[in-house]
Protein backbone atom coordinates (compact mmCIF):
# COMPACT_ATOMS: atom_id res chain seq x y z
CA MET A 1 26.98 -47.61 -14.07
CA SER A 2 29.59 -50.31 -13.75
CA VAL A 3 28.18 -53.84 -13.88
CA THR A 4 30.17 -56.94 -13.08
CA LYS A 5 29.72 -60.21 -14.88
CA LYS A 6 29.00 -61.94 -11.57
CA THR A 7 26.21 -59.48 -10.72
CA PHE A 8 24.49 -59.80 -14.08
CA LEU A 9 24.79 -63.60 -14.03
CA ILE A 10 23.25 -63.81 -10.55
CA TRP A 11 20.23 -61.74 -11.62
CA TRP A 12 19.89 -63.33 -15.06
CA ILE A 13 20.14 -66.91 -13.80
CA GLY A 14 17.83 -65.96 -10.92
CA GLY A 15 15.37 -64.74 -13.55
CA LEU A 16 15.63 -68.04 -15.42
CA LEU A 17 14.95 -69.91 -12.18
CA ALA A 18 11.95 -67.65 -11.55
CA PHE A 19 10.78 -68.48 -15.09
CA ALA A 20 10.99 -72.19 -14.28
CA ALA A 21 8.94 -71.60 -11.12
CA ALA A 22 6.38 -69.61 -13.13
CA ILE A 23 6.02 -72.49 -15.58
CA VAL A 24 5.29 -74.83 -12.67
CA LEU A 25 2.62 -72.40 -11.43
CA HIS A 26 1.07 -72.29 -14.92
CA ASN A 27 0.84 -76.05 -15.49
CA PRO A 28 -2.49 -76.55 -13.63
CA LEU A 29 -4.08 -73.94 -15.92
CA ILE A 30 -3.65 -76.23 -18.93
CA ILE A 31 -7.02 -77.94 -19.11
CA GLU A 32 -9.09 -79.40 -21.94
CA ALA A 33 -11.11 -76.20 -22.41
CA VAL A 34 -7.96 -74.02 -22.22
CA PRO A 35 -5.32 -76.20 -23.88
CA GLU A 36 -2.57 -73.56 -23.84
CA GLY A 37 -3.34 -72.41 -20.29
CA ILE A 38 -2.08 -68.92 -19.52
CA LEU A 39 -0.98 -68.47 -23.13
CA ASP A 40 -4.63 -68.67 -24.19
CA HIS A 41 -5.47 -65.96 -21.65
CA GLN A 42 -2.63 -63.78 -22.92
CA ALA A 43 -3.77 -64.19 -26.52
CA ALA A 44 -7.49 -63.72 -25.82
CA PRO A 45 -8.59 -61.03 -28.30
CA ASP A 46 -11.58 -59.71 -26.39
CA ALA A 47 -13.62 -59.75 -23.18
CA ALA A 48 -15.78 -62.66 -24.32
CA ALA A 49 -12.74 -64.92 -24.80
CA VAL A 50 -11.36 -63.92 -21.39
CA ASN A 51 -14.71 -64.62 -19.74
CA THR A 52 -14.87 -68.04 -21.41
CA ILE A 53 -11.39 -68.88 -20.07
CA HIS A 54 -12.30 -67.66 -16.57
CA ALA A 55 -15.44 -69.82 -16.58
CA ALA A 56 -13.46 -72.88 -17.69
CA TRP A 57 -10.86 -72.31 -14.97
CA LYS A 58 -13.61 -71.94 -12.36
CA ASP A 59 -15.24 -75.17 -13.53
CA ALA A 60 -11.87 -76.92 -13.26
CA GLY A 61 -11.21 -75.42 -9.81
CA VAL A 62 -8.03 -73.58 -10.88
CA PHE A 63 -9.27 -69.98 -11.06
CA GLU A 64 -7.34 -68.93 -7.94
CA GLN A 65 -4.28 -70.78 -9.23
CA ALA A 66 -4.40 -68.39 -12.20
CA ARG A 67 -3.95 -65.42 -9.86
CA LEU A 68 -0.94 -67.09 -8.24
CA ALA A 69 0.51 -67.86 -11.67
CA MET A 70 0.07 -64.25 -12.77
CA PHE A 71 1.81 -62.96 -9.66
CA GLY A 72 4.55 -65.49 -10.31
CA ASP A 73 4.89 -63.99 -13.77
CA LEU A 74 5.30 -60.53 -12.29
CA VAL A 75 8.11 -61.73 -10.04
CA PHE A 76 9.81 -63.45 -12.97
CA ILE A 77 9.51 -60.38 -15.21
CA GLN A 78 11.17 -58.05 -12.73
CA ILE A 79 14.09 -60.36 -11.93
CA TYR A 80 14.71 -61.56 -15.47
CA ALA A 81 14.41 -58.14 -17.14
CA PHE A 82 16.79 -56.61 -14.59
CA GLY A 83 19.29 -59.43 -15.10
CA ALA A 84 19.06 -59.14 -18.89
CA LEU A 85 19.45 -55.36 -18.68
CA LEU A 86 22.54 -55.74 -16.50
CA GLY A 87 23.95 -58.31 -18.93
CA GLY A 88 23.30 -56.00 -21.86
CA LEU A 89 24.98 -53.09 -20.06
CA TYR A 90 27.94 -55.31 -19.18
CA TYR A 91 28.48 -56.29 -22.82
CA ALA A 92 27.57 -52.90 -24.31
CA ARG A 93 30.64 -51.32 -22.72
CA LYS A 94 33.03 -53.88 -24.23
CA SER A 95 35.53 -52.46 -26.75
CA ASP A 96 34.97 -55.35 -29.16
CA PHE A 97 32.52 -53.94 -31.75
CA LEU A 98 30.53 -57.16 -32.19
CA VAL A 99 30.23 -57.89 -28.47
CA GLY A 100 29.35 -54.25 -27.73
CA SER A 101 26.70 -54.27 -30.46
CA VAL A 102 25.14 -57.45 -29.10
CA GLY A 103 25.13 -55.83 -25.65
CA LYS A 104 23.30 -52.75 -26.96
CA LEU A 105 20.72 -54.95 -28.67
CA ILE A 106 20.19 -56.83 -25.39
CA VAL A 107 19.69 -53.54 -23.49
CA LEU A 108 17.01 -52.45 -25.96
CA ALA A 109 15.33 -55.86 -25.92
CA ALA A 110 15.38 -56.03 -22.10
CA VAL A 111 13.60 -52.67 -21.82
CA VAL A 112 10.95 -53.63 -24.40
CA PHE A 113 10.51 -57.04 -22.73
CA PHE A 114 10.04 -55.36 -19.33
CA LEU A 115 7.43 -52.93 -20.68
CA THR A 116 5.45 -55.39 -22.82
CA ASP A 117 5.41 -58.30 -20.38
CA ASN A 118 4.40 -56.06 -17.48
CA ALA A 119 1.62 -54.48 -19.59
CA GLU A 120 0.40 -57.93 -20.62
CA THR A 121 0.49 -59.43 -17.13
CA ILE A 122 -1.01 -56.42 -15.37
CA SER A 123 -3.83 -56.40 -17.95
CA GLN A 124 -4.45 -60.07 -17.18
CA LEU A 125 -4.36 -59.52 -13.42
CA ILE A 126 -6.87 -56.67 -13.59
CA GLN A 127 -9.28 -58.81 -15.60
CA HIS A 128 -8.77 -61.73 -13.22
CA SER A 129 -9.25 -59.64 -10.08
CA GLN A 130 -12.43 -58.10 -11.50
CA ASP A 131 -13.48 -61.55 -12.76
CA GLU A 132 -14.56 -59.84 -15.92
CA GLY A 133 -12.95 -59.57 -19.30
CA SER A 134 -12.29 -56.19 -20.82
CA ASP A 135 -11.98 -55.64 -24.56
CA ARG A 136 -9.36 -52.93 -24.00
CA LEU A 137 -7.27 -54.95 -21.52
CA ALA A 138 -7.54 -58.12 -23.62
CA MET A 139 -6.35 -56.13 -26.64
CA ILE A 140 -3.39 -54.76 -24.65
CA ALA A 141 -2.41 -58.23 -23.43
CA SER A 142 -2.78 -59.90 -26.82
CA THR A 143 -0.93 -57.09 -28.61
CA CYS A 144 1.97 -57.28 -26.17
CA GLN A 145 2.34 -61.05 -26.43
CA GLY A 146 4.29 -61.10 -29.72
CA PRO A 147 6.83 -58.38 -28.88
CA LYS A 148 7.27 -59.89 -25.42
CA VAL A 149 8.18 -63.29 -26.85
CA VAL A 150 10.53 -61.82 -29.46
CA THR A 151 12.34 -59.63 -26.95
CA PHE A 152 12.58 -62.44 -24.38
CA MET A 153 14.18 -64.68 -27.01
CA THR A 154 16.45 -61.80 -28.09
CA THR A 155 17.73 -61.28 -24.56
CA PHE A 156 18.07 -64.99 -23.85
CA LEU A 157 19.86 -65.91 -27.07
CA GLY A 158 21.72 -62.59 -27.13
CA LEU A 159 23.23 -63.21 -23.71
CA ILE A 160 24.25 -66.74 -24.70
CA VAL A 161 25.88 -65.38 -27.88
CA ALA A 162 27.63 -62.63 -25.88
CA LEU A 163 28.95 -65.15 -23.37
CA ILE A 164 30.29 -67.32 -26.19
CA LEU A 165 31.79 -64.38 -28.08
CA GLU A 166 33.45 -63.10 -24.93
CA ARG A 167 34.96 -66.51 -24.31
CA PHE A 168 36.33 -67.01 -27.82
CA ARG A 169 37.35 -63.44 -28.68
CA ARG A 170 39.76 -62.98 -25.80
């Protein structure tokens, strides 16, 4: 598969813009009882914690906003992961060993990010739509949170490093 720099940049930057939109959708979920908003929901270790968060969001009148924020996350995940994957593939085929290695790392991180963030967000959406926490789904979401963050940062910083290396190693 031949990927152009322009194509990967369009998708990757589009993913970053979708991330910004998702953050805006998440802001109303930050309330006194849930100080980290959606991050608290993602990290909730069990059904009881999820139910407590749902009750607080209902009391604050933002429970339906949470559903919109979660769907916003799903849109962001698909666009960003695809853009990061394309960027990784673009750099992985470079003949420069360092740039190619960074590209391969980005490909791996993009795939893991896609899988973990989708598992986390879908687990959250199921609990939200059933308006009931689930120990199993809460465990999936909270377990995926760490790897998701690490792989997001790996793709983000990796693509910046690859762009810089490409510029200065010509």
